[in-house]
């Protein structure tokens, strides 16, 4: 009997897959490649909400989990996906500078926000009010990680490229049957695909469309610049730029309006010409309270969910996967602020 069926092979699904494998559990992963938010994601991890200069709950713990997780992945796959890289918060005014200094002295923020301004001038970057340095940051090459880990799972016989037909899932006494697979548990990690899931579609996952572009430009910077958009160096004179937030359009089709929004915001930061060489869109699995959704179905004890990672899938995935695994296997409590019990099911 298989320990876990995992539905979805984005950042959430693969985080749980790695967690289960690390504990010598058997898995089968189902993925139909219908959701692309993980592939579109820039993969930047950052312990600070820079728009409001506020800290994330358990930020240091999450950062430690990210490093441990991708170190384990590197050992398993033989490639490094986690790249340490500072974030430079570009200031648009003296007021923003002052807000930074105030924030840098707060508990929970002082380990991450440097109290010294970065006054360096970078070719092609307009920075009249300098930068603030965010520490303990970086990014994960999400496209490479997803492709390589899926290939690893295929080679091990743990991966099936097919849709998960919910009507074929039979509840047995203490396990489930899906086709030829008997499993102790099913973990649904479908992102916005939860809308089609009859077991968990009662949960209020909204979904936010995000678009990014990849540009080629004569910039020379080895840091992530954050202003109205982020500019992430990805090698060879190319940079990923994002991201938009659209709450009404639930398609994964790149839009002209999204592209123009990114171009306009980018031009406020860079003073050189650039060429757009790629444009992508995805639907982030977001929840109104901005918290993940982790837990077990109120009626079916063998069905579980790991979803709602939003814009922070790289940073939240390892921690949330561990929480769910420890809950299933050892009865550890899932914190109420991320537990799906905060959204009671109405019959």
C-alpha atoms as a PDB file:
ATOM      1  CA  UNK A   1       0.000   0.000   0.000  1.00  0.00           C
ATOM      2  CA  UNK A   2       1.206   3.501  -0.852  1.00  0.00           C
ATOM      3  CA  UNK A   3       1.482   6.004   1.965  1.00  0.00           C
ATOM      4  CA  UNK A   4       0.493   9.134   0.025  1.00  0.00           C
ATOM      5  CA  UNK A   5      -1.225  10.093  -3.187  1.00  0.00           C
ATOM      6  CA  UNK A   6      -0.239  13.703  -3.880  1.00  0.00           C
ATOM      7  CA  UNK A   7      -2.392  15.626  -6.346  1.00  0.00           C
ATOM      8  CA  UNK A   8      -0.461  18.504  -7.900  1.00  0.00           C
ATOM      9  CA  UNK A   9       3.250  18.947  -8.554  1.00  0.00           C
ATOM     10  CA  UNK A  10       3.740  22.664  -8.039  1.00  0.00           C
ATOM     11  CA  UNK A  11       5.684  24.150  -5.158  1.00  0.00           C
ATOM     12  CA  UNK A  12       3.194  22.879  -2.560  1.00  0.00           C
ATOM     13  CA  UNK A  13       2.941  19.356  -3.956  1.00  0.00           C
ATOM     14  CA  UNK A  14       6.665  18.890  -4.369  1.00  0.00           C
ATOM     15  CA  UNK A  15       7.326  20.307  -0.910  1.00  0.00           C
ATOM     16  CA  UNK A  16       5.089  17.608   0.523  1.00  0.00           C
ATOM     17  CA  UNK A  17       6.601  14.971  -1.767  1.00  0.00           C
ATOM     18  CA  UNK A  18      10.114  15.785  -0.528  1.00  0.00           C
ATOM     19  CA  UNK A  19       8.924  15.810   3.094  1.00  0.00           C
ATOM     20  CA  UNK A  20       7.329  12.379   2.711  1.00  0.00           C
ATOM     21  CA  UNK A  21      10.344  10.904   0.908  1.00  0.00           C
ATOM     22  CA  UNK A  22      12.682  12.286   3.565  1.00  0.00           C
ATOM     23  CA  UNK A  23      10.740  10.184   6.077  1.00  0.00           C
ATOM     24  CA  UNK A  24      10.896   7.079   3.848  1.00  0.00           C
ATOM     25  CA  UNK A  25       7.232   7.219   2.901  1.00  0.00           C
ATOM     26  CA  UNK A  26       5.981   5.913  -0.448  1.00  0.00           C
ATOM     27  CA  UNK A  27       4.239   8.362  -2.778  1.00  0.00           C
ATOM     28  CA  UNK A  28       2.462   8.646  -6.114  1.00  0.00           C
ATOM     29  CA  UNK A  29       2.168  12.160  -7.565  1.00  0.00           C
ATOM     30  CA  UNK A  30      -0.554  13.055 -10.081  1.00  0.00           C
ATOM     31  CA  UNK A  31      -0.097  16.166 -12.242  1.00  0.00           C
ATOM     32  CA  UNK A  32      -1.937  17.283 -15.383  1.00  0.00           C
ATOM     33  CA  UNK A  33      -0.031  20.575 -15.760  1.00  0.00           C
ATOM     34  CA  UNK A  34      -3.245  22.602 -15.720  1.00  0.00           C
ATOM     35  CA  UNK A  35      -1.960  25.200 -13.236  1.00  0.00           C
ATOM     36  CA  UNK A  36       1.125  27.308 -13.944  1.00  0.00           C
ATOM     37  CA  UNK A  37       1.525  29.674 -11.010  1.00  0.00           C
ATOM     38  CA  UNK A  38       4.573  27.799  -9.686  1.00  0.00           C
ATOM     39  CA  UNK A  39       6.305  27.851 -13.077  1.00  0.00           C
ATOM     40  CA  UNK A  40       5.524  31.557 -13.462  1.00  0.00           C
ATOM     41  CA  UNK A  41       6.690  32.445  -9.943  1.00  0.00           C
ATOM     42  CA  UNK A  42       9.936  34.387  -9.678  1.00  0.00           C
ATOM     43  CA  UNK A  43      10.897  32.285  -6.671  1.00  0.00           C
ATOM     44  CA  UNK A  44      12.077  35.242  -4.576  1.00  0.00           C
ATOM     45  CA  UNK A  45      12.010  34.706  -0.835  1.00  0.00           C
ATOM     46  CA  UNK A  46      12.002  37.649   1.507  1.00  0.00           C
ATOM     47  CA  UNK A  47      11.205  37.805   5.246  1.00  0.00           C
ATOM     48  CA  UNK A  48       9.802  41.350   5.070  1.00  0.00           C
ATOM     49  CA  UNK A  49       6.645  42.797   3.509  1.00  0.00           C
ATOM     50  CA  UNK A  50       8.397  45.748   1.899  1.00  0.00           C
ATOM     51  CA  UNK A  51       5.262  47.589   0.853  1.00  0.00           C
ATOM     52  CA  UNK A  52       4.305  48.103   4.495  1.00  0.00           C
ATOM     53  CA  UNK A  53       7.690  47.539   6.168  1.00  0.00           C
ATOM     54  CA  UNK A  54       6.220  44.775   8.319  1.00  0.00           C
ATOM     55  CA  UNK A  55       7.564  41.399   9.361  1.00  0.00           C
ATOM     56  CA  UNK A  56       6.243  37.961   8.571  1.00  0.00           C
ATOM     57  CA  UNK A  57       5.204  35.670  11.386  1.00  0.00           C
ATOM     58  CA  UNK A  58       7.920  33.060  12.087  1.00  0.00           C
ATOM     59  CA  UNK A  59      10.081  34.584   9.336  1.00  0.00           C
ATOM     60  CA  UNK A  60      13.383  33.222  10.638  1.00  0.00           C
ATOM     61  CA  UNK A  61      11.940  29.751  11.069  1.00  0.00           C
ATOM     62  CA  UNK A  62      10.631  29.818   7.510  1.00  0.00           C
ATOM     63  CA  UNK A  63      13.994  30.976   6.155  1.00  0.00           C
ATOM     64  CA  UNK A  64      15.745  28.167   8.012  1.00  0.00           C
ATOM     65  CA  UNK A  65      13.252  25.680   6.571  1.00  0.00           C
ATOM     66  CA  UNK A  66      13.842  26.990   3.038  1.00  0.00           C
ATOM     67  CA  UNK A  67      17.592  26.523   3.350  1.00  0.00           C
ATOM     68  CA  UNK A  68      17.269  23.045   4.853  1.00  0.00           C
ATOM     69  CA  UNK A  69      14.695  22.006   2.247  1.00  0.00           C
ATOM     70  CA  UNK A  70      16.705  23.081  -0.804  1.00  0.00           C
ATOM     71  CA  UNK A  71      19.923  21.682   0.661  1.00  0.00           C
ATOM     72  CA  UNK A  72      18.135  18.332   0.880  1.00  0.00           C
ATOM     73  CA  UNK A  73      16.858  18.765  -2.684  1.00  0.00           C
ATOM     74  CA  UNK A  74      20.367  19.551  -3.927  1.00  0.00           C
ATOM     75  CA  UNK A  75      21.620  16.349  -2.284  1.00  0.00           C
ATOM     76  CA  UNK A  76      18.800  14.333  -3.851  1.00  0.00           C
ATOM     77  CA  UNK A  77      18.941  15.780  -7.378  1.00  0.00           C
ATOM     78  CA  UNK A  78      22.579  16.878  -7.572  1.00  0.00           C
ATOM     79  CA  UNK A  79      21.850  20.501  -8.483  1.00  0.00           C
ATOM     80  CA  UNK A  80      21.623  23.732  -6.543  1.00  0.00           C
ATOM     81  CA  UNK A  81      18.381  25.693  -6.934  1.00  0.00           C
ATOM     82  CA  UNK A  82      18.592  28.133  -4.023  1.00  0.00           C
ATOM     83  CA  UNK A  83      20.649  31.249  -4.826  1.00  0.00           C
ATOM     84  CA  UNK A  84      21.489  33.697  -2.040  1.00  0.00           C
ATOM     85  CA  UNK A  85      20.991  37.241  -3.314  1.00  0.00           C
ATOM     86  CA  UNK A  86      20.321  40.503  -1.460  1.00  0.00           C
ATOM     87  CA  UNK A  87      17.258  42.618  -2.108  1.00  0.00           C
ATOM     88  CA  UNK A  88      17.788  46.336  -2.620  1.00  0.00           C
ATOM     89  CA  UNK A  89      14.647  48.289  -1.798  1.00  0.00           C
ATOM     90  CA  UNK A  90      14.728  51.353  -4.027  1.00  0.00           C
ATOM     91  CA  UNK A  91      13.487  54.453  -2.217  1.00  0.00           C
ATOM     92  CA  UNK A  92      11.252  56.850  -4.101  1.00  0.00           C
ATOM     93  CA  UNK A  93      11.458  59.639  -1.499  1.00  0.00           C
ATOM     94  CA  UNK A  94      13.121  60.822   1.700  1.00  0.00           C
ATOM     95  CA  UNK A  95       9.929  59.802   3.518  1.00  0.00           C
ATOM     96  CA  UNK A  96      10.478  56.189   2.449  1.00  0.00           C
ATOM     97  CA  UNK A  97      14.037  56.397   3.774  1.00  0.00           C
ATOM     98  CA  UNK A  98      12.742  57.600   7.124  1.00  0.00           C
ATOM     99  CA  UNK A  99      10.113  54.837   7.249  1.00  0.00           C
ATOM    100  CA  UNK A 100      12.875  52.306   6.583  1.00  0.00           C
ATOM    101  CA  UNK A 101      14.995  53.531   9.493  1.00  0.00           C
ATOM    102  CA  UNK A 102      11.995  53.390  11.826  1.00  0.00           C
ATOM    103  CA  UNK A 103      11.156  49.867  10.686  1.00  0.00           C
ATOM    104  CA  UNK A 104      14.757  48.644  10.962  1.00  0.00           C
ATOM    105  CA  UNK A 105      14.662  49.189  14.735  1.00  0.00           C
ATOM    106  CA  UNK A 106      11.493  47.146  15.298  1.00  0.00           C
ATOM    107  CA  UNK A 107      11.521  43.705  16.859  1.00  0.00           C
ATOM    108  CA  UNK A 108      11.225  41.093  14.137  1.00  0.00           C
ATOM    109  CA  UNK A 109      12.636  43.395  11.458  1.00  0.00           C
ATOM    110  CA  UNK A 110      16.069  44.348  12.768  1.00  0.00           C
ATOM    111  CA  UNK A 111      17.695  41.028  11.717  1.00  0.00           C
ATOM    112  CA  UNK A 112      16.633  41.636   8.127  1.00  0.00           C
ATOM    113  CA  UNK A 113      16.780  45.391   7.456  1.00  0.00           C
ATOM    114  CA  UNK A 114      20.207  46.988   7.352  1.00  0.00           C
ATOM    115  CA  UNK A 115      20.460  50.375   9.033  1.00  0.00           C
ATOM    116  CA  UNK A 116      22.981  51.602   6.431  1.00  0.00           C
ATOM    117  CA  UNK A 117      21.779  52.984   3.128  1.00  0.00           C
ATOM    118  CA  UNK A 118      23.258  51.519  -0.040  1.00  0.00           C
ATOM    119  CA  UNK A 119      24.425  54.533  -2.004  1.00  0.00           C
ATOM    120  CA  UNK A 120      26.062  52.602  -4.859  1.00  0.00           C
ATOM    121  CA  UNK A 121      25.072  53.637  -8.353  1.00  0.00           C
ATOM    122  CA  UNK A 122      24.305  50.830 -10.773  1.00  0.00           C
ATOM    123  CA  UNK A 123      24.442  51.400 -14.544  1.00  0.00           C
ATOM    124  CA  UNK A 124      20.938  51.755 -15.946  1.00  0.00           C
ATOM    125  CA  UNK A 125      19.200  51.987 -12.544  1.00  0.00           C
ATOM    126  CA  UNK A 126      17.736  55.333 -11.513  1.00  0.00           C
ATOM    127  CA  UNK A 127      18.129  55.681  -7.726  1.00  0.00           C
ATOM    128  CA  UNK A 128      18.056  59.324  -6.568  1.00  0.00           C
ATOM    129  CA  UNK A 129      17.174  58.343  -2.983  1.00  0.00           C
ATOM    130  CA  UNK A 130      19.450  55.276  -2.669  1.00  0.00           C
ATOM    131  CA  UNK A 131      18.490  51.775  -1.482  1.00  0.00           C
ATOM    132  CA  UNK A 132      17.765  49.849   1.674  1.00  0.00           C
ATOM    133  CA  UNK A 133      19.402  46.433   2.017  1.00  0.00           C
ATOM    134  CA  UNK A 134      17.255  43.427   2.948  1.00  0.00           C
ATOM    135  CA  UNK A 135      19.337  40.569   4.338  1.00  0.00           C
ATOM    136  CA  UNK A 136      18.861  36.766   4.346  1.00  0.00           C
ATOM    137  CA  UNK A 137      17.106  36.868   0.993  1.00  0.00           C
ATOM    138  CA  UNK A 138      17.476  35.119  -2.342  1.00  0.00           C
ATOM    139  CA  UNK A 139      15.555  33.210  -4.959  1.00  0.00           C
ATOM    140  CA  UNK A 140      14.887  29.672  -6.080  1.00  0.00           C
ATOM    141  CA  UNK A 141      15.129  28.732  -9.747  1.00  0.00           C
ATOM    142  CA  UNK A 142      11.575  27.427  -9.688  1.00  0.00           C
ATOM    143  CA  UNK A 143      11.361  26.362 -13.322  1.00  0.00           C
ATOM    144  CA  UNK A 144      14.500  24.239 -13.087  1.00  0.00           C
ATOM    145  CA  UNK A 145      13.521  22.830  -9.704  1.00  0.00           C
ATOM    146  CA  UNK A 146      10.024  21.841 -10.830  1.00  0.00           C
ATOM    147  CA  UNK A 147      11.260  20.267 -14.067  1.00  0.00           C
ATOM    148  CA  UNK A 148      14.128  18.363 -12.454  1.00  0.00           C
ATOM    149  CA  UNK A 149      12.210  17.098  -9.424  1.00  0.00           C
ATOM    150  CA  UNK A 150       9.339  15.929 -11.613  1.00  0.00           C
ATOM    151  CA  UNK A 151      11.846  14.099 -13.807  1.00  0.00           C
ATOM    152  CA  UNK A 152      13.364  12.499 -10.706  1.00  0.00           C
ATOM    153  CA  UNK A 153       9.915  11.330  -9.591  1.00  0.00           C
ATOM    154  CA  UNK A 154       9.246   9.890 -13.057  1.00  0.00           C
ATOM    155  CA  UNK A 155      12.522   7.986 -13.031  1.00  0.00           C
ATOM    156  CA  UNK A 156      11.580   6.507  -9.644  1.00  0.00           C
ATOM    157  CA  UNK A 157       8.099   5.525 -10.842  1.00  0.00           C
ATOM    158  CA  UNK A 158       6.430   7.967  -8.440  1.00  0.00           C
ATOM    159  CA  UNK A 159       4.892  10.315 -11.029  1.00  0.00           C
ATOM    160  CA  UNK A 160       1.860  10.067 -13.300  1.00  0.00           C
ATOM    161  CA  UNK A 161       1.067  12.678 -15.920  1.00  0.00           C
ATOM    162  CA  UNK A 162      -2.700  12.514 -15.749  1.00  0.00           C
ATOM    163  CA  UNK A 163      -5.682  14.331 -14.344  1.00  0.00           C
ATOM    164  CA  UNK A 164      -7.067  13.178 -11.040  1.00  0.00           C
ATOM    165  CA  UNK A 165     -10.644  11.975 -11.597  1.00  0.00           C
ATOM    166  CA  UNK A 166     -12.355  12.588  -8.250  1.00  0.00           C
ATOM    167  CA  UNK A 167     -15.232  10.243  -9.169  1.00  0.00           C
ATOM    168  CA  UNK A 168     -12.788   7.314  -9.129  1.00  0.00           C
ATOM    169  CA  UNK A 169     -11.705   7.948  -5.542  1.00  0.00           C
ATOM    170  CA  UNK A 170     -13.251   5.324  -3.259  1.00  0.00           C
ATOM    171  CA  UNK A 171     -13.233   5.706   0.504  1.00  0.00           C
ATOM    172  CA  UNK A 172     -12.373   2.442   2.279  1.00  0.00           C
ATOM    173  CA  UNK A 173     -11.925   1.571   5.930  1.00  0.00           C
ATOM    174  CA  UNK A 174      -8.628   3.274   6.815  1.00  0.00           C
ATOM    175  CA  UNK A 175      -7.436   3.888   3.258  1.00  0.00           C
ATOM    176  CA  UNK A 176      -8.533   5.063  -0.186  1.00  0.00           C
ATOM    177  CA  UNK A 177      -8.580   3.358  -3.571  1.00  0.00           C
ATOM    178  CA  UNK A 178      -7.857   5.275  -6.767  1.00  0.00           C
ATOM    179  CA  UNK A 179      -7.637   3.025  -9.811  1.00  0.00           C
ATOM    180  CA  UNK A 180      -4.771   0.631  -9.154  1.00  0.00           C
ATOM    181  CA  UNK A 181      -3.420   2.653  -6.208  1.00  0.00           C
ATOM    182  CA  UNK A 182      -4.309   1.972  -2.610  1.00  0.00           C
ATOM    183  CA  UNK A 183      -3.119   4.723  -0.281  1.00  0.00           C
ATOM    184  CA  UNK A 184      -3.356   5.654   3.367  1.00  0.00           C
ATOM    185  CA  UNK A 185      -3.803   9.344   2.529  1.00  0.00           C
ATOM    186  CA  UNK A 186      -4.453  11.789  -0.301  1.00  0.00           C
ATOM    187  CA  UNK A 187      -2.941  15.285  -0.135  1.00  0.00           C
ATOM    188  CA  UNK A 188      -4.467  17.795  -2.538  1.00  0.00           C
ATOM    189  CA  UNK A 189      -2.007  20.499  -3.627  1.00  0.00           C
ATOM    190  CA  UNK A 190      -3.853  21.848  -6.655  1.00  0.00           C
ATOM    191  CA  UNK A 191      -3.538  25.591  -6.306  1.00  0.00           C
ATOM    192  CA  UNK A 192      -6.390  27.338  -8.073  1.00  0.00           C
ATOM    193  CA  UNK A 193      -7.479  23.918  -9.348  1.00  0.00           C
ATOM    194  CA  UNK A 194      -9.173  23.449  -5.973  1.00  0.00           C
ATOM    195  CA  UNK A 195     -12.213  25.074  -7.557  1.00  0.00           C
ATOM    196  CA  UNK A 196     -12.925  21.735  -9.307  1.00  0.00           C
ATOM    197  CA  UNK A 197     -12.292  19.620  -6.209  1.00  0.00           C
ATOM    198  CA  UNK A 198     -15.623  18.390  -4.751  1.00  0.00           C
ATOM    199  CA  UNK A 199     -14.037  17.725  -1.355  1.00  0.00           C
ATOM    200  CA  UNK A 200     -12.403  21.094  -0.758  1.00  0.00           C
ATOM    201  CA  UNK A 201     -14.081  23.587  -3.105  1.00  0.00           C
ATOM    202  CA  UNK A 202     -16.022  24.977  -0.131  1.00  0.00           C
ATOM    203  CA  UNK A 203     -12.826  26.708   0.997  1.00  0.00           C
ATOM    204  CA  UNK A 204     -12.587  30.413   0.059  1.00  0.00           C
ATOM    205  CA  UNK A 205      -9.568  30.328  -2.221  1.00  0.00           C
ATOM    206  CA  UNK A 206      -9.889  33.352  -4.489  1.00  0.00           C
ATOM    207  CA  UNK A 207      -6.921  33.277  -6.864  1.00  0.00           C
ATOM    208  CA  UNK A 208      -5.000  36.316  -8.053  1.00  0.00           C
ATOM    209  CA  UNK A 209      -3.599  36.572 -11.562  1.00  0.00           C
ATOM    210  CA  UNK A 210       0.045  37.539 -11.747  1.00  0.00           C
ATOM    211  CA  UNK A 211       2.096  38.368 -14.822  1.00  0.00           C
ATOM    212  CA  UNK A 212       5.854  38.635 -15.308  1.00  0.00           C
ATOM    213  CA  UNK A 213       8.064  39.556 -18.242  1.00  0.00           C
ATOM    214  CA  UNK A 214      11.639  38.601 -18.991  1.00  0.00           C
ATOM    215  CA  UNK A 215      13.790  41.350 -20.485  1.00  0.00           C
ATOM    216  CA  UNK A 216      17.210  41.674 -22.012  1.00  0.00           C
ATOM    217  CA  UNK A 217      18.909  44.918 -20.954  1.00  0.00           C
ATOM    218  CA  UNK A 218      22.325  46.492 -20.450  1.00  0.00           C
ATOM    219  CA  UNK A 219      22.089  46.448 -16.663  1.00  0.00           C
ATOM    220  CA  UNK A 220      24.882  45.338 -14.366  1.00  0.00           C
ATOM    221  CA  UNK A 221      23.577  44.337 -10.970  1.00  0.00           C
ATOM    222  CA  UNK A 222      23.806  41.165  -8.880  1.00  0.00           C
ATOM    223  CA  UNK A 223      20.952  41.955  -6.547  1.00  0.00           C
ATOM    224  CA  UNK A 224      17.175  41.903  -6.662  1.00  0.00           C
ATOM    225  CA  UNK A 225      15.962  45.491  -7.065  1.00  0.00           C
ATOM    226  CA  UNK A 226      12.532  46.165  -5.585  1.00  0.00           C
ATOM    227  CA  UNK A 227      10.560  49.279  -6.376  1.00  0.00           C
ATOM    228  CA  UNK A 228       7.150  49.387  -8.039  1.00  0.00           C
ATOM    229  CA  UNK A 229       8.218  46.032  -9.514  1.00  0.00           C
ATOM    230  CA  UNK A 230      11.062  43.637  -8.789  1.00  0.00           C
ATOM    231  CA  UNK A 231      13.994  43.181 -11.167  1.00  0.00           C
ATOM    232  CA  UNK A 232      15.628  39.783 -10.758  1.00  0.00           C
ATOM    233  CA  UNK A 233      18.904  38.935 -12.567  1.00  0.00           C
ATOM    234  CA  UNK A 234      18.633  35.442 -14.091  1.00  0.00           C
ATOM    235  CA  UNK A 235      21.861  35.372 -16.098  1.00  0.00           C
ATOM    236  CA  UNK A 236      23.140  36.259 -19.547  1.00  0.00           C
ATOM    237  CA  UNK A 237      22.023  39.877 -19.338  1.00  0.00           C
ATOM    238  CA  UNK A 238      18.403  38.827 -18.793  1.00  0.00           C
ATOM    239  CA  UNK A 239      16.110  39.865 -15.944  1.00  0.00           C
ATOM    240  CA  UNK A 240      12.724  38.740 -14.717  1.00  0.00           C
ATOM    241  CA  UNK A 241      10.374  41.652 -13.943  1.00  0.00           C
ATOM    242  CA  UNK A 242       7.122  41.438 -12.022  1.00  0.00           C
ATOM    243  CA  UNK A 243       4.568  41.188 -10.904  1.00  0.00           C
ATOM    244  CA  UNK A 244       1.014  42.319 -11.475  1.00  0.00           C
ATOM    245  CA  UNK A 245      -2.000  41.648  -9.264  1.00  0.00           C
ATOM    246  CA  UNK A 246      -5.343  41.125 -11.026  1.00  0.00           C
ATOM    247  CA  UNK A 247      -8.336  39.888  -9.002  1.00  0.00           C
ATOM    248  CA  UNK A 248     -11.010  39.554 -11.709  1.00  0.00           C
ATOM    249  CA  UNK A 249      -9.360  37.834 -14.674  1.00  0.00           C
ATOM    250  CA  UNK A 250      -8.950  34.144 -13.762  1.00  0.00           C
ATOM    251  CA  UNK A 251      -7.278  33.057 -17.001  1.00  0.00           C
ATOM    252  CA  UNK A 252      -3.605  32.203 -17.386  1.00  0.00           C
ATOM    253  CA  UNK A 253      -3.371  34.064 -20.698  1.00  0.00           C
ATOM    254  CA  UNK A 254      -0.789  36.889 -20.641  1.00  0.00           C
ATOM    255  CA  UNK A 255      -2.556  40.196 -21.208  1.00  0.00           C
ATOM    256  CA  UNK A 256      -1.545  43.355 -23.018  1.00  0.00           C
ATOM    257  CA  UNK A 257      -2.709  45.433 -20.052  1.00  0.00           C
ATOM    258  CA  UNK A 258      -0.513  43.409 -17.699  1.00  0.00           C
ATOM    259  CA  UNK A 259       2.484  43.833 -19.954  1.00  0.00           C
ATOM    260  CA  UNK A 260       1.959  47.587 -20.240  1.00  0.00           C
ATOM    261  CA  UNK A 261       1.643  47.926 -16.470  1.00  0.00           C
ATOM    262  CA  UNK A 262       4.987  46.173 -16.001  1.00  0.00           C
ATOM    263  CA  UNK A 263       6.635  48.268 -18.712  1.00  0.00           C
ATOM    264  CA  UNK A 264       5.439  51.534 -17.176  1.00  0.00           C
ATOM    265  CA  UNK A 265       6.636  50.610 -13.688  1.00  0.00           C
ATOM    266  CA  UNK A 266       9.933  49.309 -15.029  1.00  0.00           C
ATOM    267  CA  UNK A 267      10.597  52.581 -16.846  1.00  0.00           C
ATOM    268  CA  UNK A 268      10.333  54.397 -13.508  1.00  0.00           C
ATOM    269  CA  UNK A 269      13.377  52.430 -12.326  1.00  0.00           C
ATOM    270  CA  UNK A 270      15.609  51.819 -15.355  1.00  0.00           C
ATOM    271  CA  UNK A 271      17.072  54.385 -17.710  1.00  0.00           C
ATOM    272  CA  UNK A 272      18.177  52.042 -20.493  1.00  0.00           C
ATOM    273  CA  UNK A 273      16.342  50.418 -23.376  1.00  0.00           C
ATOM    274  CA  UNK A 274      15.192  46.831 -22.932  1.00  0.00           C
ATOM    275  CA  UNK A 275      13.783  44.026 -25.051  1.00  0.00           C
ATOM    276  CA  UNK A 276      10.954  41.798 -23.835  1.00  0.00           C
ATOM    277  CA  UNK A 277      11.817  38.181 -24.625  1.00  0.00           C
ATOM    278  CA  UNK A 278       9.116  36.371 -22.620  1.00  0.00           C
ATOM    279  CA  UNK A 279       5.771  37.110 -20.991  1.00  0.00           C
ATOM    280  CA  UNK A 280       3.965  34.701 -18.659  1.00  0.00           C
ATOM    281  CA  UNK A 281       0.902  34.587 -16.436  1.00  0.00           C
ATOM    282  CA  UNK A 282      -0.435  32.353 -13.673  1.00  0.00           C
ATOM    283  CA  UNK A 283      -3.137  32.299 -11.020  1.00  0.00           C
ATOM    284  CA  UNK A 284      -1.721  32.515  -7.509  1.00  0.00           C
ATOM    285  CA  UNK A 285      -3.632  30.469  -4.922  1.00  0.00           C
ATOM    286  CA  UNK A 286      -4.550  33.320  -2.588  1.00  0.00           C
ATOM    287  CA  UNK A 287      -6.895  33.498   0.392  1.00  0.00           C
ATOM    288  CA  UNK A 288      -8.620  36.618   1.686  1.00  0.00           C
ATOM    289  CA  UNK A 289      -6.847  36.464   5.058  1.00  0.00           C
ATOM    290  CA  UNK A 290      -3.502  35.931   3.265  1.00  0.00           C
ATOM    291  CA  UNK A 291      -2.827  32.697   5.145  1.00  0.00           C
ATOM    292  CA  UNK A 292      -2.244  29.183   3.779  1.00  0.00           C
ATOM    293  CA  UNK A 293      -4.915  26.496   4.002  1.00  0.00           C
ATOM    294  CA  UNK A 294      -3.596  23.332   5.632  1.00  0.00           C
ATOM    295  CA  UNK A 295      -5.479  20.465   7.219  1.00  0.00           C
ATOM    296  CA  UNK A 296      -7.768  17.461   6.994  1.00  0.00           C
ATOM    297  CA  UNK A 297     -11.260  17.190   5.544  1.00  0.00           C
ATOM    298  CA  UNK A 298     -13.942  17.490   8.270  1.00  0.00           C
ATOM    299  CA  UNK A 299     -15.666  14.290   7.098  1.00  0.00           C
ATOM    300  CA  UNK A 300     -12.993  12.207   5.378  1.00  0.00           C
ATOM    301  CA  UNK A 301      -9.945  11.667   7.645  1.00  0.00           C
ATOM    302  CA  UNK A 302      -7.781  10.326   4.811  1.00  0.00           C
ATOM    303  CA  UNK A 303      -8.128  13.473   2.663  1.00  0.00           C
ATOM    304  CA  UNK A 304      -5.927  16.496   3.280  1.00  0.00           C
ATOM    305  CA  UNK A 305      -5.067  19.826   1.701  1.00  0.00           C
ATOM    306  CA  UNK A 306      -1.976  21.991   1.311  1.00  0.00           C
ATOM    307  CA  UNK A 307      -2.900  25.153  -0.548  1.00  0.00           C
ATOM    308  CA  UNK A 308      -3.186  28.936  -0.396  1.00  0.00           C
ATOM    309  CA  UNK A 309       0.545  29.689  -0.397  1.00  0.00           C
ATOM    310  CA  UNK A 310      -0.130  32.823  -2.448  1.00  0.00           C
ATOM    311  CA  UNK A 311       2.880  34.895  -3.446  1.00  0.00           C
ATOM    312  CA  UNK A 312       5.210  33.140  -0.977  1.00  0.00           C
ATOM    313  CA  UNK A 313       5.135  29.543  -2.154  1.00  0.00           C
ATOM    314  CA  UNK A 314       8.917  29.163  -2.092  1.00  0.00           C
ATOM    315  CA  UNK A 315       9.151  30.391   1.487  1.00  0.00           C
ATOM    316  CA  UNK A 316       5.971  28.862   2.917  1.00  0.00           C
ATOM    317  CA  UNK A 317       5.980  25.502   1.124  1.00  0.00           C
ATOM    318  CA  UNK A 318       8.573  23.629   3.217  1.00  0.00           C
ATOM    319  CA  UNK A 319       7.162  24.856   6.543  1.00  0.00           C
ATOM    320  CA  UNK A 320       3.517  24.131   5.655  1.00  0.00           C
ATOM    321  CA  UNK A 321       4.391  20.705   4.241  1.00  0.00           C
ATOM    322  CA  UNK A 322       6.159  19.808   7.469  1.00  0.00           C
ATOM    323  CA  UNK A 323       3.196  21.021   9.545  1.00  0.00           C
ATOM    324  CA  UNK A 324       0.773  18.862   7.574  1.00  0.00           C
ATOM    325  CA  UNK A 325       3.037  15.812   7.594  1.00  0.00           C
ATOM    326  CA  UNK A 326       3.598  15.994  11.354  1.00  0.00           C
ATOM    327  CA  UNK A 327      -0.136  16.419  11.895  1.00  0.00           C
ATOM    328  CA  UNK A 328      -1.015  13.358   9.812  1.00  0.00           C
ATOM    329  CA  UNK A 329       1.731  11.087  11.097  1.00  0.00           C
ATOM    330  CA  UNK A 330       2.166  12.240  14.691  1.00  0.00           C
ATOM    331  CA  UNK A 331      -0.955  14.173  15.589  1.00  0.00           C
ATOM    332  CA  UNK A 332       0.894  17.484  15.956  1.00  0.00           C
ATOM    333  CA  UNK A 333      -1.397  20.507  16.038  1.00  0.00           C
ATOM    334  CA  UNK A 334      -1.673  22.745  12.986  1.00  0.00           C
ATOM    335  CA  UNK A 335      -1.753  26.403  14.103  1.00  0.00           C
ATOM    336  CA  UNK A 336      -5.268  27.802  13.969  1.00  0.00           C
ATOM    337  CA  UNK A 337      -4.288  30.713  11.715  1.00  0.00           C
ATOM    338  CA  UNK A 338      -3.430  28.319   8.843  1.00  0.00           C
ATOM    339  CA  UNK A 339      -5.706  25.382   9.711  1.00  0.00           C
ATOM    340  CA  UNK A 340      -8.697  24.943   7.402  1.00  0.00           C
ATOM    341  CA  UNK A 341     -10.884  24.581  10.493  1.00  0.00           C
ATOM    342  CA  UNK A 342     -11.062  28.393  10.461  1.00  0.00           C
ATOM    343  CA  UNK A 343     -13.445  27.979   7.502  1.00  0.00           C
ATOM    344  CA  UNK A 344     -16.273  25.722   8.722  1.00  0.00           C
ATOM    345  CA  UNK A 345     -17.962  23.677   6.051  1.00  0.00           C
ATOM    346  CA  UNK A 346     -21.632  24.495   5.612  1.00  0.00           C
ATOM    347  CA  UNK A 347     -23.627  21.401   4.637  1.00  0.00           C
END
